[in-house]
Amino acid sequence: IARLTFAGDRQIIEIADRDLPHKTGHRSITQFMTHRLRVADPMRRTKQRHATATHLSPTGEPLEPERPALAEALADGKVSTSHVRAVLDVLDQIPHAVDHDVKVAAERQMAEIAVDHTPADITALGARLLAHLDPDGTLTDDTDRKRRRNLSVNRQRADGTA
């Protein structure tokens, strides 16, 4: 299933490159995925696609995925989309002040962990990794806090609560 998801992401990139969403009357690839492809959570899928898929530059050159080790594990079918989501959640919490080489090593290590562990384990082991990268919390600054801040609005439940 993971290999099919990876292949599906490649097809979605092809759809976007051909500008099919606009040609079929949709405003964006996300809207196209929701209404035409019936993807349940297109934003989550878009985040995964940006991290693990090979995109083309404006000149047509292939660009390496943002998370190459994770992309390789997904392409080989070693991890599921739940694993990818858990790893991305951990990697998104790494403070931007951490060196790039350390971030790359953390991504590689988390991809290796994902092959042998459940998504819940990935979250717990990721917390340990984050504690090693920034033990005192001094590397986290306002930029990181702004990046993590969010607001989500969901549909109202049958009992009237949100």
Protein backbone atom coordinates (compact mmCIF):
# COMPACT_ATOMS: atom_id res chain seq x y z
CA ILE A 1 0.00 0.00 0.00
CA ALA A 2 2.87 2.38 0.80
CA ARG A 3 4.35 1.86 -2.67
CA LEU A 4 0.97 2.64 -4.21
CA THR A 5 0.75 5.82 -2.14
CA PHE A 6 4.20 6.86 -3.34
CA ALA A 7 3.19 6.15 -6.95
CA GLY A 8 -0.05 8.08 -6.41
CA ASP A 9 1.92 11.07 -5.15
CA ARG A 10 3.99 10.97 -8.35
CA GLN A 11 0.76 11.01 -10.36
CA ILE A 12 -0.53 14.01 -8.39
CA ILE A 13 2.70 15.86 -9.19
CA GLU A 14 2.18 15.02 -12.86
CA ILE A 15 -1.40 16.33 -12.63
CA ALA A 16 -0.16 19.58 -11.07
CA ASP A 17 2.64 19.95 -13.65
CA ARG A 18 0.11 19.60 -16.48
CA ASP A 19 -2.13 22.21 -14.81
CA LEU A 20 -5.11 19.85 -14.92
CA PRO A 21 -6.78 21.40 -11.86
CA HIS A 22 -7.20 24.74 -13.64
CA LYS A 23 -8.14 23.08 -16.93
CA THR A 24 -10.96 21.23 -15.16
CA GLY A 25 -12.28 24.30 -13.34
CA HIS A 26 -10.63 23.85 -9.94
CA ARG A 27 -8.75 26.66 -8.23
CA SER A 28 -5.93 24.55 -6.80
CA ILE A 29 -4.45 21.08 -6.67
CA THR A 30 -5.94 20.72 -3.18
CA GLN A 31 -9.44 21.46 -4.45
CA PHE A 32 -8.86 19.08 -7.38
CA MET A 33 -7.74 16.33 -4.98
CA THR A 34 -10.81 16.86 -2.80
CA HIS A 35 -13.50 17.03 -5.47
CA ARG A 36 -12.08 15.05 -8.39
CA LEU A 37 -9.89 12.42 -6.72
CA ARG A 38 -11.96 12.20 -3.51
CA VAL A 39 -8.91 12.43 -1.23
CA ALA A 40 -10.15 12.68 2.36
CA ASP A 41 -7.38 14.90 3.77
CA PRO A 42 -5.62 16.67 0.89
CA MET A 43 -3.56 18.98 3.13
CA ARG A 44 -1.96 16.04 4.93
CA ARG A 45 -1.30 14.36 1.60
CA THR A 46 0.20 17.58 0.23
CA LYS A 47 2.55 17.87 3.21
CA GLN A 48 3.62 14.25 2.67
CA ARG A 49 4.07 14.81 -1.07
CA HIS A 50 6.23 17.90 -0.55
CA ALA A 51 8.47 15.98 1.85
CA THR A 52 8.85 12.70 -0.03
CA ALA A 53 8.30 13.30 -3.74
CA THR A 54 10.72 14.32 -6.46
CA HIS A 55 9.55 17.60 -7.98
CA LEU A 56 10.69 19.38 -11.12
CA SER A 57 12.37 22.77 -11.12
CA PRO A 58 11.04 25.47 -13.48
CA THR A 59 13.74 24.40 -15.95
CA GLY A 60 12.61 20.76 -15.81
CA GLU A 61 15.44 19.43 -13.67
CA PRO A 62 14.42 16.86 -11.04
CA LEU A 63 14.76 18.14 -7.48
CA GLU A 64 15.64 15.80 -4.64
CA PRO A 65 12.87 15.25 -2.05
CA GLU A 66 13.02 17.41 1.09
CA ARG A 67 13.30 14.22 3.17
CA PRO A 68 15.27 11.77 0.98
CA ALA A 69 15.70 8.97 3.54
CA LEU A 70 12.00 9.03 4.36
CA ALA A 71 11.14 9.16 0.65
CA GLU A 72 13.26 6.09 0.00
CA ALA A 73 11.62 4.15 2.84
CA LEU A 74 8.14 5.06 1.54
CA ALA A 75 9.04 4.20 -2.06
CA ASP A 76 10.36 0.80 -0.95
CA GLY A 77 7.17 0.13 1.01
CA LYS A 78 9.03 -0.07 4.32
CA VAL A 79 6.90 2.60 6.01
CA SER A 80 3.25 3.63 5.77
CA THR A 81 1.71 7.07 5.51
CA SER A 82 1.09 6.97 9.27
CA HIS A 83 4.81 6.46 9.81
CA VAL A 84 5.60 9.34 7.44
CA ARG A 85 3.18 11.62 9.30
CA ALA A 86 4.73 10.72 12.67
CA VAL A 87 8.28 11.31 11.40
CA LEU A 88 7.33 14.64 9.81
CA ASP A 89 5.66 15.75 13.04
CA VAL A 90 8.91 15.07 14.92
CA LEU A 91 11.14 16.71 12.31
CA ASP A 92 8.93 19.81 12.21
CA GLN A 93 9.67 20.34 15.90
CA ILE A 94 13.44 20.59 15.44
CA PRO A 95 14.45 24.21 16.16
CA HIS A 96 15.63 26.11 13.10
CA ALA A 97 18.87 27.03 14.96
CA VAL A 98 20.04 23.40 14.76
CA ASP A 99 22.72 22.90 12.09
CA HIS A 100 21.59 21.56 8.71
CA ASP A 101 23.86 18.51 8.92
CA VAL A 102 22.33 17.59 12.28
CA LYS A 103 18.83 17.94 10.80
CA VAL A 104 19.78 15.65 7.91
CA ALA A 105 21.19 13.08 10.34
CA ALA A 106 18.02 13.33 12.46
CA GLU A 107 15.87 12.71 9.39
CA ARG A 108 17.96 9.69 8.44
CA GLN A 109 17.75 8.30 11.97
CA MET A 110 14.00 8.84 12.22
CA ALA A 111 13.50 7.12 8.84
CA GLU A 112 15.47 4.12 10.13
CA ILE A 113 13.40 4.08 13.32
CA ALA A 114 10.18 4.23 11.29
CA VAL A 115 11.05 1.00 9.48
CA ASP A 116 11.01 -1.04 12.69
CA HIS A 117 8.57 0.81 14.97
CA THR A 118 4.94 1.89 15.16
CA PRO A 119 3.87 5.52 14.67
CA ALA A 120 3.28 5.81 18.44
CA ASP A 121 6.83 4.57 19.06
CA ILE A 122 8.13 7.09 16.53
CA THR A 123 6.51 9.91 18.49
CA ALA A 124 8.06 8.72 21.77
CA LEU A 125 11.50 8.12 20.26
CA GLY A 126 11.25 11.44 18.44
CA ALA A 127 10.69 13.19 21.77
CA ARG A 128 13.93 11.66 23.02
CA LEU A 129 15.74 12.82 19.88
CA LEU A 130 14.39 16.35 20.34
CA ALA A 131 15.52 16.31 23.98
CA HIS A 132 19.06 15.45 22.83
CA LEU A 133 19.09 18.15 20.15
CA ASP A 134 17.88 20.93 22.46
CA PRO A 135 18.16 19.71 26.06
CA ASP A 136 17.75 23.13 27.70
CA GLY A 137 15.22 24.50 25.23
CA THR A 138 17.53 27.42 24.49
CA LEU A 139 17.60 26.85 20.72
CA THR A 140 13.84 27.31 20.41
CA ASP A 141 12.97 30.93 19.70
CA ASP A 142 9.98 33.02 18.59
CA THR A 143 10.39 31.88 14.98
CA ASP A 144 9.94 28.26 16.05
CA ARG A 145 6.99 29.14 18.25
CA LYS A 146 5.28 30.99 15.39
CA ARG A 147 5.89 28.04 13.07
CA ARG A 148 4.22 25.63 15.50
CA ARG A 149 1.31 27.88 16.41
CA ASN A 150 -1.92 26.86 14.73
CA LEU A 151 -5.66 27.04 14.89
CA SER A 152 -7.92 24.38 13.50
CA VAL A 153 -11.65 24.63 13.05
CA ASN A 154 -13.57 21.42 12.56
CA ARG A 155 -17.15 20.63 11.77
CA GLN A 156 -19.74 20.82 14.48
CA ARG A 157 -20.68 17.48 16.03
CA ALA A 158 -24.24 16.17 16.18
CA ASP A 159 -24.53 17.23 19.83
CA GLY A 160 -23.71 20.85 18.94
CA THR A 161 -20.12 20.91 20.23
CA ALA A 162 -17.09 21.62 18.11
